[in-house]
């Protein structure tokens, strides 16, 4: 089946559900869904002695079982007792009686002639009547709402006692906390937005919701500060969210690609964070946040290189230490991408550019090696990438040890076996360790790909290929944009007043003085 037939089939099934459906069609559609339970009971009625048949449909594991068994079911079973009790009597010193003007209604007679309806003759009046729209009906059912059908009425009724599976906020596994808060995002959208709202207790924080996915009905939260974010940025983000028409959305990773300026970009154009305190910091800087239901992280837009090298922990550490760390991350980014290619170009093509003592050391270390310098570097980098991938799949304490220490141990064994030289192992290890200084994991993956691109050109054309690859990467980064903002800003285009502010972290006292002035 090709894509066109699949789209037509999805559109047809969606149209069927979006129309008003009958009870028979509703039962037919949910019959294959074995996780949807049916509970049938007969509700006593005042006028009909045989009672009213009531069907309850709910999704297993998504409703509050205690509320269902001790609240909803007894309330329906004891309906006749409730109606007879509330026909006449006394409540809190005020009388209430059955009125003749409104058949089947009970009014509460209050002082000054006021009255309020207490109960109804029919049990369906307790619940919210919903239209027979298929999409709306199934969306409620699979979100934890109980659907009720009464035998003497054609409408569908809903009773929300949802209790969806979720976990409590805990420390994010993406950004470790040393001095900052340890509450991270979870898979539940309402909890994630609450973690942000508790830090921004102001009506200037606007929250809007979108539904994406004709099948998954994934709820998306869009957050921005009305007094900080630019109106054109907010409108552009909303337009991109509304333009998404796909059958399913599984997480923020897919959403990031769908709303990016360049879906096939090598570099991440949005930041991906798991800590609400950093989201609040970004919102106060005029950016927008996008939170997807089912994803324990938030997307920050617009993204640029200076944002990706910032850590959520920067706000909780001394400003001088943070400035030094940001400079180290920039250096680590450059070293991770370009050091292996530079070393191979020097060793293989431009040995006359090396100091004589270093050249002698490298030459002596390569005596007896069966492979070239290029193959050595590919072997070492491939080995470190293999260990890093293994470290990600292993449990966290073991994985970090395997990714670094394991690579060095195997590298030392490779030196003893005569497969590589010590200098080549050092260069590969420095390049691999520099990758770990990057905060954003998507950026770390992009750096690994670019590292091999630079290495290939350098191994073929020497220093000429190295400089061509380096400038091509820099030009590509300068050509990127995120929601209309330059990706390399404020470095390209250069803005001298903002360069220092992007790298150097000013002390908090300077912000206080600025607000007072």
Protein backbone atom coordinates (compact mmCIF):
# COMPACT_ATOMS: atom_id res chain seq x y z
CA UNK A 1 0.00 0.00 0.00
CA UNK A 2 1.53 3.33 -1.06
CA UNK A 3 1.43 6.60 0.88
CA UNK A 4 -1.49 8.01 -1.11
CA UNK A 5 -3.71 5.01 -0.38
CA UNK A 6 -2.72 5.12 3.28
CA UNK A 7 -3.61 8.82 3.55
CA UNK A 8 -6.97 8.17 1.88
CA UNK A 9 -7.66 5.30 4.24
CA UNK A 10 -6.75 7.37 7.30
CA UNK A 11 -8.90 10.24 6.03
CA UNK A 12 -11.86 7.92 5.46
CA UNK A 13 -11.63 6.34 8.91
CA UNK A 14 -11.22 9.77 10.49
CA UNK A 15 -14.31 11.10 8.72
CA UNK A 16 -16.34 8.12 9.92
CA UNK A 17 -15.42 8.79 13.52
CA UNK A 18 -15.84 12.56 13.29
CA UNK A 19 -19.51 12.20 12.26
CA UNK A 20 -22.31 11.62 14.72
CA UNK A 21 -22.45 7.92 15.49
CA UNK A 22 -25.22 5.75 16.86
CA UNK A 23 -25.06 3.44 19.84
CA UNK A 24 -24.75 0.40 17.61
CA UNK A 25 -21.83 1.97 15.72
CA UNK A 26 -20.18 2.93 19.01
CA UNK A 27 -20.41 -0.64 20.32
CA UNK A 28 -19.09 -1.98 17.01
CA UNK A 29 -16.02 0.27 17.07
CA UNK A 30 -15.00 -0.51 20.64
CA UNK A 31 -15.71 -4.27 20.45
CA UNK A 32 -12.11 -5.10 19.32
CA UNK A 33 -10.70 -2.91 22.12
CA UNK A 34 -10.48 -5.49 24.88
CA UNK A 35 -9.07 -2.92 27.33
CA UNK A 36 -12.45 -1.12 27.25
CA UNK A 37 -14.72 -2.63 29.89
CA UNK A 38 -18.51 -2.61 29.85
CA UNK A 39 -20.54 -2.46 33.05
CA UNK A 40 -24.34 -2.86 32.78
CA UNK A 41 -26.70 -2.15 35.67
CA UNK A 42 -30.36 -1.28 36.13
CA UNK A 43 -31.05 2.04 37.80
CA UNK A 44 -34.26 2.25 39.91
CA UNK A 45 -36.67 4.90 38.70
CA UNK A 46 -39.60 6.64 40.35
CA UNK A 47 -42.01 6.24 37.45
CA UNK A 48 -40.71 3.02 35.84
CA UNK A 49 -40.74 0.18 38.37
CA UNK A 50 -38.59 -2.04 36.15
CA UNK A 51 -35.86 0.59 36.21
CA UNK A 52 -33.63 2.12 33.56
CA UNK A 53 -30.80 0.13 32.00
CA UNK A 54 -27.49 1.96 32.16
CA UNK A 55 -24.34 0.94 30.27
CA UNK A 56 -20.95 2.20 31.45
CA UNK A 57 -17.86 2.06 29.24
CA UNK A 58 -14.38 2.86 30.55
CA UNK A 59 -10.77 2.11 29.67
CA UNK A 60 -8.93 -0.18 32.05
CA UNK A 61 -6.18 1.52 34.06
CA UNK A 62 -7.28 5.06 33.20
CA UNK A 63 -10.06 5.65 35.72
CA UNK A 64 -9.99 6.04 39.48
CA UNK A 65 -11.09 2.58 40.64
CA UNK A 66 -12.05 3.74 44.11
CA UNK A 67 -14.18 6.57 42.77
CA UNK A 68 -15.80 4.18 40.31
CA UNK A 69 -16.67 1.45 42.83
CA UNK A 70 -17.51 3.63 45.85
CA UNK A 71 -18.86 6.74 44.17
CA UNK A 72 -20.34 6.29 40.72
CA UNK A 73 -21.86 2.80 41.02
CA UNK A 74 -23.57 3.32 44.42
CA UNK A 75 -24.88 6.69 43.26
CA UNK A 76 -26.62 5.04 40.31
CA UNK A 77 -27.87 2.00 42.23
CA UNK A 78 -29.40 4.14 44.99
CA UNK A 79 -30.99 6.61 42.59
CA UNK A 80 -34.59 5.92 43.66
CA UNK A 81 -33.71 6.40 47.32
CA UNK A 82 -32.11 9.76 46.53
CA UNK A 83 -35.10 10.99 44.56
CA UNK A 84 -37.63 9.98 47.22
CA UNK A 85 -35.53 11.50 49.99
CA UNK A 86 -35.14 14.85 48.30
CA UNK A 87 -38.80 15.37 47.34
CA UNK A 88 -39.66 17.09 50.66
CA UNK A 89 -37.77 17.81 53.80
CA UNK A 90 -35.46 20.27 55.51
CA UNK A 91 -31.87 21.16 54.67
CA UNK A 92 -29.82 23.43 56.92
CA UNK A 93 -32.93 25.10 58.30
CA UNK A 94 -34.53 25.82 54.95
CA UNK A 95 -37.40 23.87 53.46
CA UNK A 96 -37.52 22.38 50.01
CA UNK A 97 -40.51 20.89 48.23
CA UNK A 98 -41.72 19.35 44.99
CA UNK A 99 -43.05 22.08 42.70
CA UNK A 100 -45.98 21.70 40.35
CA UNK A 101 -44.75 24.21 37.78
CA UNK A 102 -41.63 22.22 36.89
CA UNK A 103 -42.46 18.58 36.52
CA UNK A 104 -39.89 16.27 38.09
CA UNK A 105 -37.83 19.02 39.72
CA UNK A 106 -37.06 19.69 43.35
CA UNK A 107 -36.44 23.25 44.49
CA UNK A 108 -34.65 24.52 47.57
CA UNK A 109 -36.71 27.30 49.15
CA UNK A 110 -34.30 29.94 50.49
CA UNK A 111 -34.92 33.31 52.20
CA UNK A 112 -36.12 36.30 50.15
CA UNK A 113 -37.93 34.03 47.75
CA UNK A 114 -34.81 32.56 46.15
CA UNK A 115 -34.77 28.91 45.12
CA UNK A 116 -32.18 26.50 43.80
CA UNK A 117 -32.62 23.16 42.07
CA UNK A 118 -31.39 20.25 44.20
CA UNK A 119 -32.13 17.12 42.21
CA UNK A 120 -33.66 15.87 39.01
CA UNK A 121 -36.12 13.10 38.30
CA UNK A 122 -33.82 11.39 35.70
CA UNK A 123 -30.31 10.09 36.59
CA UNK A 124 -28.79 11.31 33.33
CA UNK A 125 -29.10 14.91 34.53
CA UNK A 126 -26.18 14.26 36.89
CA UNK A 127 -23.75 13.84 33.99
CA UNK A 128 -22.51 15.99 31.16
CA UNK A 129 -24.33 15.29 27.94
CA UNK A 130 -21.91 14.99 25.05
CA UNK A 131 -22.60 15.14 21.37
CA UNK A 132 -22.41 11.95 19.36
CA UNK A 133 -19.26 13.15 17.61
CA UNK A 134 -16.99 10.14 17.18
CA UNK A 135 -13.67 11.91 17.67
CA UNK A 136 -14.85 13.70 20.78
CA UNK A 137 -16.40 10.54 22.22
CA UNK A 138 -13.35 8.32 21.80
CA UNK A 139 -10.99 11.06 22.91
CA UNK A 140 -12.87 11.25 26.21
CA UNK A 141 -13.11 7.48 26.57
CA UNK A 142 -9.38 6.87 26.09
CA UNK A 143 -8.49 9.77 28.39
CA UNK A 144 -10.13 8.24 31.47
CA UNK A 145 -13.75 9.41 31.13
CA UNK A 146 -16.64 7.02 31.76
CA UNK A 147 -19.20 6.97 28.93
CA UNK A 148 -22.79 6.28 30.03
CA UNK A 149 -25.72 5.15 27.89
CA UNK A 150 -29.29 5.13 29.28
CA UNK A 151 -31.88 2.89 27.68
CA UNK A 152 -34.57 5.57 27.48
CA UNK A 153 -32.36 8.30 26.02
CA UNK A 154 -30.38 8.50 22.78
CA UNK A 155 -27.61 10.82 23.93
CA UNK A 156 -24.19 9.87 25.28
CA UNK A 157 -23.17 11.04 28.75
CA UNK A 158 -19.71 11.40 30.28
CA UNK A 159 -18.38 11.32 33.82
CA UNK A 160 -14.74 12.27 34.29
CA UNK A 161 -12.96 10.25 36.97
CA UNK A 162 -9.67 9.98 35.09
CA UNK A 163 -6.59 8.71 36.89
CA UNK A 164 -3.92 8.31 34.20
CA UNK A 165 -0.64 6.49 34.89
CA UNK A 166 2.11 8.92 35.88
CA UNK A 167 5.21 9.22 38.03
CA UNK A 168 6.31 11.83 40.52
CA UNK A 169 8.80 14.53 39.48
CA UNK A 170 12.38 13.45 40.04
CA UNK A 171 15.85 14.54 39.00
CA UNK A 172 16.31 14.80 35.26
CA UNK A 173 18.64 12.23 33.73
CA UNK A 174 19.68 14.65 30.97
CA UNK A 175 21.01 17.46 33.17
CA UNK A 176 22.51 16.57 36.53
CA UNK A 177 21.91 18.97 39.40
CA UNK A 178 24.70 19.98 41.79
CA UNK A 179 23.23 23.01 43.52
CA UNK A 180 20.00 23.57 41.59
CA UNK A 181 16.53 22.04 42.06
CA UNK A 182 16.12 18.32 41.52
CA UNK A 183 12.58 18.24 40.17
CA UNK A 184 12.55 17.32 36.50
CA UNK A 185 9.86 16.94 33.90
CA UNK A 186 7.74 13.79 33.75
CA UNK A 187 5.54 12.27 31.04
CA UNK A 188 2.35 14.04 32.15
CA UNK A 189 1.70 17.40 30.50
CA UNK A 190 -0.30 18.92 33.36
CA UNK A 191 2.48 18.15 35.85
CA UNK A 192 5.14 19.67 33.60
CA UNK A 193 3.17 22.88 33.12
CA UNK A 194 2.54 23.03 36.87
CA UNK A 195 6.30 22.80 37.51
CA UNK A 196 6.76 25.86 35.31
CA UNK A 197 3.74 27.73 36.68
CA UNK A 198 4.89 27.35 40.29
CA UNK A 199 8.04 29.26 39.34
CA UNK A 200 6.25 31.96 37.31
CA UNK A 201 3.22 33.02 39.34
CA UNK A 202 2.12 35.75 37.00
CA UNK A 203 -0.67 36.13 34.42
CA UNK A 204 1.99 37.26 31.94
CA UNK A 205 2.82 33.59 31.44
CA UNK A 206 0.38 32.46 28.77
CA UNK A 207 -0.35 28.77 28.21
CA UNK A 208 -2.12 27.53 25.09
CA UNK A 209 -2.96 23.97 24.04
CA UNK A 210 -2.86 22.22 20.69
CA UNK A 211 -3.92 18.71 19.65
CA UNK A 212 -1.62 17.03 17.11
CA UNK A 213 -2.16 13.61 15.55
CA UNK A 214 -5.41 12.31 14.12
CA UNK A 215 -4.90 8.96 15.87
CA UNK A 216 -2.82 9.72 18.97
CA UNK A 217 -4.49 13.05 19.86
CA UNK A 218 -1.26 14.19 21.51
CA UNK A 219 -1.76 17.31 23.60
CA UNK A 220 0.84 20.05 23.21
CA UNK A 221 1.41 22.92 25.63
CA UNK A 222 2.72 26.21 24.23
CA UNK A 223 4.12 28.67 26.79
CA UNK A 224 5.44 32.20 26.46
CA UNK A 225 5.77 35.42 28.44
CA UNK A 226 3.53 38.01 26.84
CA UNK A 227 5.74 40.89 28.00
CA UNK A 228 9.04 39.24 26.97
CA UNK A 229 8.50 37.26 23.76
CA UNK A 230 8.25 39.03 20.42
CA UNK A 231 4.73 38.87 18.91
CA UNK A 232 6.05 37.71 15.53
CA UNK A 233 7.89 34.82 17.22
CA UNK A 234 4.74 33.73 19.07
CA UNK A 235 2.58 33.90 15.94
CA UNK A 236 5.13 32.01 13.84
CA UNK A 237 5.36 29.23 16.43
CA UNK A 238 1.55 28.94 16.58
CA UNK A 239 1.33 28.84 12.79
CA UNK A 240 3.81 25.98 12.59
CA UNK A 241 2.00 24.01 15.28
CA UNK A 242 -1.36 24.44 13.54
CA UNK A 243 0.08 23.37 10.19
CA UNK A 244 1.11 19.90 11.43
CA UNK A 245 -1.17 17.23 9.94
CA UNK A 246 0.08 13.75 10.80
CA UNK A 247 -1.63 10.57 12.08
CA UNK A 248 0.56 10.17 15.18
CA UNK A 249 2.98 12.14 17.32
CA UNK A 250 5.04 10.11 19.77
CA UNK A 251 7.16 12.78 21.40
CA UNK A 252 9.01 16.06 21.30
CA UNK A 253 11.73 14.62 19.07
CA UNK A 254 9.31 14.29 16.16
CA UNK A 255 7.79 17.67 16.97
CA UNK A 256 11.21 19.32 16.87
CA UNK A 257 11.78 18.09 13.33
CA UNK A 258 8.28 19.04 12.16
CA UNK A 259 8.47 22.69 13.23
CA UNK A 260 12.16 23.36 12.56
CA UNK A 261 13.24 25.75 9.84
CA UNK A 262 15.31 22.96 8.27
CA UNK A 263 14.01 19.48 9.15
CA UNK A 264 17.19 17.87 7.75
CA UNK A 265 19.64 20.15 9.54
CA UNK A 266 22.79 18.56 10.96
CA UNK A 267 22.62 20.79 14.02
CA UNK A 268 19.68 20.97 16.47
CA UNK A 269 17.74 24.19 15.87
CA UNK A 270 15.89 23.98 19.19
CA UNK A 271 17.10 23.23 22.69
CA UNK A 272 15.89 20.06 24.41
CA UNK A 273 15.88 20.36 28.23
CA UNK A 274 14.49 18.33 31.11
CA UNK A 275 14.61 20.89 33.92
CA UNK A 276 11.81 23.42 34.53
CA UNK A 277 14.13 26.03 36.08
CA UNK A 278 16.04 26.37 32.79
CA UNK A 279 12.73 26.65 30.90
CA UNK A 280 11.72 29.52 33.18
CA UNK A 281 15.09 31.19 32.57
CA UNK A 282 14.58 30.88 28.81
CA UNK A 283 11.02 32.23 28.99
CA UNK A 284 12.27 35.28 30.84
CA UNK A 285 14.75 35.85 28.01
CA UNK A 286 11.96 36.12 25.43
CA UNK A 287 11.94 32.56 24.14
CA UNK A 288 8.97 30.20 23.87
CA UNK A 289 8.60 26.69 25.30
CA UNK A 290 6.77 23.71 23.82
CA UNK A 291 5.85 20.75 26.03
CA UNK A 292 4.43 17.53 24.60
CA UNK A 293 2.34 15.05 26.54
CA UNK A 294 4.27 11.83 27.08
CA UNK A 295 7.72 13.44 26.88
CA UNK A 296 9.77 14.31 30.01
CA UNK A 297 11.38 17.34 28.36
CA UNK A 298 10.57 20.70 26.81
CA UNK A 299 11.61 22.36 23.56
CA UNK A 300 13.02 25.89 23.70
CA UNK A 301 12.84 28.13 20.64
CA UNK A 302 14.51 29.90 19.01
CA UNK A 303 17.71 27.97 19.52
CA UNK A 304 21.25 29.03 18.68
CA UNK A 305 24.76 27.84 19.41
CA UNK A 306 25.22 30.04 22.45
CA UNK A 307 22.03 28.61 23.97
CA UNK A 308 23.08 25.01 23.33
CA UNK A 309 26.35 25.39 25.23
CA UNK A 310 24.60 26.77 28.31
CA UNK A 311 23.82 24.45 31.20
CA UNK A 312 20.85 24.66 33.59
CA UNK A 313 23.38 24.57 36.41
CA UNK A 314 24.96 27.87 35.29
CA UNK A 315 22.38 29.89 37.21
CA UNK A 316 23.39 28.24 40.50
CA UNK A 317 27.19 28.53 40.28
CA UNK A 318 29.54 31.54 40.69
CA UNK A 319 29.66 33.78 37.64
CA UNK A 320 33.45 33.56 37.20
CA UNK A 321 33.35 29.76 37.22
CA UNK A 322 30.43 29.69 34.76
CA UNK A 323 32.31 32.00 32.38
CA UNK A 324 35.32 29.68 32.42
CA UNK A 325 33.11 26.64 31.85
CA UNK A 326 31.37 28.22 28.86
CA UNK A 327 34.73 29.03 27.28
CA UNK A 328 35.79 25.42 27.85
CA UNK A 329 32.61 24.18 26.15
CA UNK A 330 33.32 26.34 23.10
CA UNK A 331 36.87 25.01 22.98
CA UNK A 332 35.60 21.47 23.48
CA UNK A 333 33.16 21.92 20.58
CA UNK A 334 35.95 23.06 18.27
CA UNK A 335 38.39 20.36 19.41
CA UNK A 336 35.81 17.57 19.10
CA UNK A 337 35.05 18.47 15.48
CA UNK A 338 38.43 19.46 14.05
CA UNK A 339 41.30 17.95 16.09
CA UNK A 340 41.34 14.43 14.52
CA UNK A 341 41.31 15.80 10.98
CA UNK A 342 44.04 18.31 11.79
CA UNK A 343 46.31 15.65 13.29
CA UNK A 344 45.87 13.27 10.36
CA UNK A 345 46.58 16.06 7.85
CA UNK A 346 49.77 17.00 9.72
CA UNK A 347 51.01 13.43 10.12
CA UNK A 348 50.20 12.21 6.61
CA UNK A 349 50.76 15.20 4.31
CA UNK A 350 52.35 18.17 6.04
CA UNK A 351 54.99 16.69 8.31
CA UNK A 352 57.27 19.68 7.59
CA UNK A 353 54.90 21.84 9.68
CA UNK A 354 55.62 19.81 12.83
CA UNK A 355 58.45 20.65 15.26
CA UNK A 356 61.43 18.35 14.76
CA UNK A 357 61.28 16.83 18.25
CA UNK A 358 57.55 16.09 17.92
CA UNK A 359 58.10 14.65 14.45
CA UNK A 360 60.80 12.37 15.82
CA UNK A 361 58.53 11.19 18.63
CA UNK A 362 55.64 10.47 16.26
CA UNK A 363 57.91 8.67 13.81
CA UNK A 364 59.43 6.48 16.50
CA UNK A 365 55.99 5.58 17.87
CA UNK A 366 54.80 4.46 14.43
CA UNK A 367 57.66 2.08 13.73
CA UNK A 368 56.27 -1.38 13.00
CA UNK A 369 52.59 -0.36 12.69
CA UNK A 370 50.80 -2.25 9.89
CA UNK A 371 48.23 0.48 9.05
CA UNK A 372 48.37 4.12 7.98
CA UNK A 373 47.71 7.13 10.20
CA UNK A 374 44.30 7.62 8.58
CA UNK A 375 43.22 4.06 9.33
CA UNK A 376 44.56 4.42 12.86
CA UNK A 377 42.39 7.46 13.51
CA UNK A 378 39.31 5.82 12.01
CA UNK A 379 39.94 2.75 14.17
CA UNK A 380 40.36 4.76 17.38
CA UNK A 381 37.37 7.05 16.78
CA UNK A 382 35.20 4.11 15.79
CA UNK A 383 36.20 2.33 18.97
CA UNK A 384 35.35 5.32 21.16
CA UNK A 385 31.98 5.75 19.41
CA UNK A 386 31.31 2.06 19.98
CA UNK A 387 32.06 2.36 23.68
CA UNK A 388 29.97 5.51 24.00
CA UNK A 389 26.98 3.78 22.41
CA UNK A 390 27.47 0.82 24.74
CA UNK A 391 27.65 3.18 27.70
CA UNK A 392 24.29 4.70 26.79
CA UNK A 393 22.59 1.28 26.69
CA UNK A 394 24.11 0.05 29.96
CA UNK A 395 22.89 1.17 33.41
CA UNK A 396 23.94 4.71 34.19
CA UNK A 397 26.75 4.11 36.77
CA UNK A 398 28.30 1.35 34.65
CA UNK A 399 27.78 3.13 31.34
CA UNK A 400 29.85 6.20 32.20
CA UNK A 401 32.76 4.00 33.26
CA UNK A 402 32.61 1.84 30.15
CA UNK A 403 32.44 4.77 27.73
CA UNK A 404 35.67 6.43 28.91
CA UNK A 405 37.76 4.05 31.00
CA UNK A 406 36.89 1.05 28.85
CA UNK A 407 38.00 2.88 25.72
CA UNK A 408 41.34 3.80 27.26
CA UNK A 409 41.95 0.24 28.47
CA UNK A 410 41.22 -1.22 25.06
CA UNK A 411 43.36 1.51 23.51
CA UNK A 412 46.29 0.59 25.72
CA UNK A 413 45.85 -3.03 24.72
CA UNK A 414 45.83 -1.94 21.06
CA UNK A 415 49.16 -0.14 21.59
CA UNK A 416 50.71 -3.24 23.14
CA UNK A 417 49.39 -5.33 20.26
CA UNK A 418 51.01 -3.01 17.73
CA UNK A 419 47.75 -1.83 16.13
CA UNK A 420 48.03 1.90 16.97
CA UNK A 421 50.45 4.48 18.32
CA UNK A 422 50.24 6.32 21.67
CA UNK A 423 49.97 9.76 20.03
CA UNK A 424 47.02 8.65 17.92
CA UNK A 425 45.27 7.25 20.99
CA UNK A 426 45.79 10.52 22.88
CA UNK A 427 44.33 12.59 20.03
CA UNK A 428 41.30 10.31 19.71
CA UNK A 429 40.76 10.27 23.48
CA UNK A 430 40.96 14.08 23.76
CA UNK A 431 38.46 14.41 20.93
CA UNK A 432 36.07 11.93 22.55
CA UNK A 433 36.32 13.53 26.00
CA UNK A 434 35.72 16.98 24.47
CA UNK A 435 32.39 15.67 23.18
CA UNK A 436 31.27 14.97 26.77
CA UNK A 437 31.59 18.68 27.62
CA UNK A 438 28.57 19.42 25.42
CA UNK A 439 25.29 19.78 27.30
CA UNK A 440 22.87 19.04 24.46
CA UNK A 441 23.02 15.38 23.40
CA UNK A 442 21.65 16.13 19.93
CA UNK A 443 24.56 18.51 19.41
CA UNK A 444 26.98 15.81 20.58
CA UNK A 445 25.62 13.45 17.92
CA UNK A 446 26.00 16.13 15.25
CA UNK A 447 29.61 16.74 16.31
CA UNK A 448 30.41 13.03 15.92
CA UNK A 449 29.14 13.04 12.32
CA UNK A 450 31.01 16.23 11.41
CA UNK A 451 34.19 14.86 12.96
CA UNK A 452 34.24 12.00 10.45
CA UNK A 453 33.43 14.41 7.60
CA UNK A 454 36.45 16.58 8.46
CA UNK A 455 38.61 13.49 8.90
CA UNK A 456 37.73 12.11 5.46
CA UNK A 457 38.56 15.34 3.62
CA UNK A 458 41.75 15.81 5.64
CA UNK A 459 42.92 12.26 4.93
CA UNK A 460 42.44 12.80 1.16
CA UNK A 461 43.62 16.38 0.58
CA UNK A 462 45.76 17.11 3.63
CA UNK A 463 45.72 20.61 5.12
CA UNK A 464 43.86 21.90 2.08
CA UNK A 465 41.01 19.46 2.72
CA UNK A 466 41.12 20.29 6.42
CA UNK A 467 40.60 24.01 5.85
CA UNK A 468 37.95 23.39 3.19
CA UNK A 469 36.00 21.15 5.57
CA UNK A 470 36.38 23.55 8.49
CA UNK A 471 35.19 26.59 6.54
CA UNK A 472 32.34 24.63 4.95
CA UNK A 473 31.10 23.63 8.41
CA UNK A 474 31.34 27.20 9.69
CA UNK A 475 29.56 28.59 6.63
CA UNK A 476 26.83 25.98 7.00
CA UNK A 477 26.33 26.93 10.64
CA UNK A 478 26.15 30.62 9.72
CA UNK A 479 23.47 29.89 7.11
CA UNK A 480 21.11 28.26 9.62
CA UNK A 481 18.18 30.05 11.20
CA UNK A 482 15.80 29.15 14.00
CA UNK A 483 12.41 30.85 13.81
CA UNK A 484 13.97 33.65 11.80
CA UNK A 485 16.88 34.16 14.21
CA UNK A 486 20.52 33.57 13.05
CA UNK A 487 21.88 30.33 14.47
CA UNK A 488 25.34 31.75 15.20
CA UNK A 489 24.10 35.04 16.69
CA UNK A 490 25.68 37.12 18.12
CA UNK A 491 28.89 35.77 16.51
CA UNK A 492 27.52 35.85 12.95
CA UNK A 493 26.35 38.43 12.18
CA UNK A 494 28.75 39.92 14.67
CA UNK A 495 27.24 41.99 17.46
CA UNK A 496 30.07 43.15 19.67
CA UNK A 497 27.83 44.33 22.50
CA UNK A 498 26.13 40.93 22.76
CA UNK A 499 29.15 38.66 22.30
CA UNK A 500 30.47 39.24 25.80
CA UNK A 501 27.00 38.84 27.33
CA UNK A 502 26.50 35.52 25.52
CA UNK A 503 29.73 34.01 26.85
CA UNK A 504 30.46 35.87 30.08
CA UNK A 505 27.99 35.27 32.87
CA UNK A 506 27.41 38.52 34.74
CA UNK A 507 26.86 38.47 38.52
CA UNK A 508 23.27 38.66 39.71
CA UNK A 509 23.92 42.01 41.42
CA UNK A 510 24.34 43.66 38.01
CA UNK A 511 20.85 42.51 36.99
CA UNK A 512 19.45 43.99 40.20
CA UNK A 513 21.07 47.36 39.51
CA UNK A 514 19.81 47.29 35.94
CA UNK A 515 16.23 46.77 37.10
CA UNK A 516 16.49 49.63 39.58
CA UNK A 517 17.90 51.99 37.00
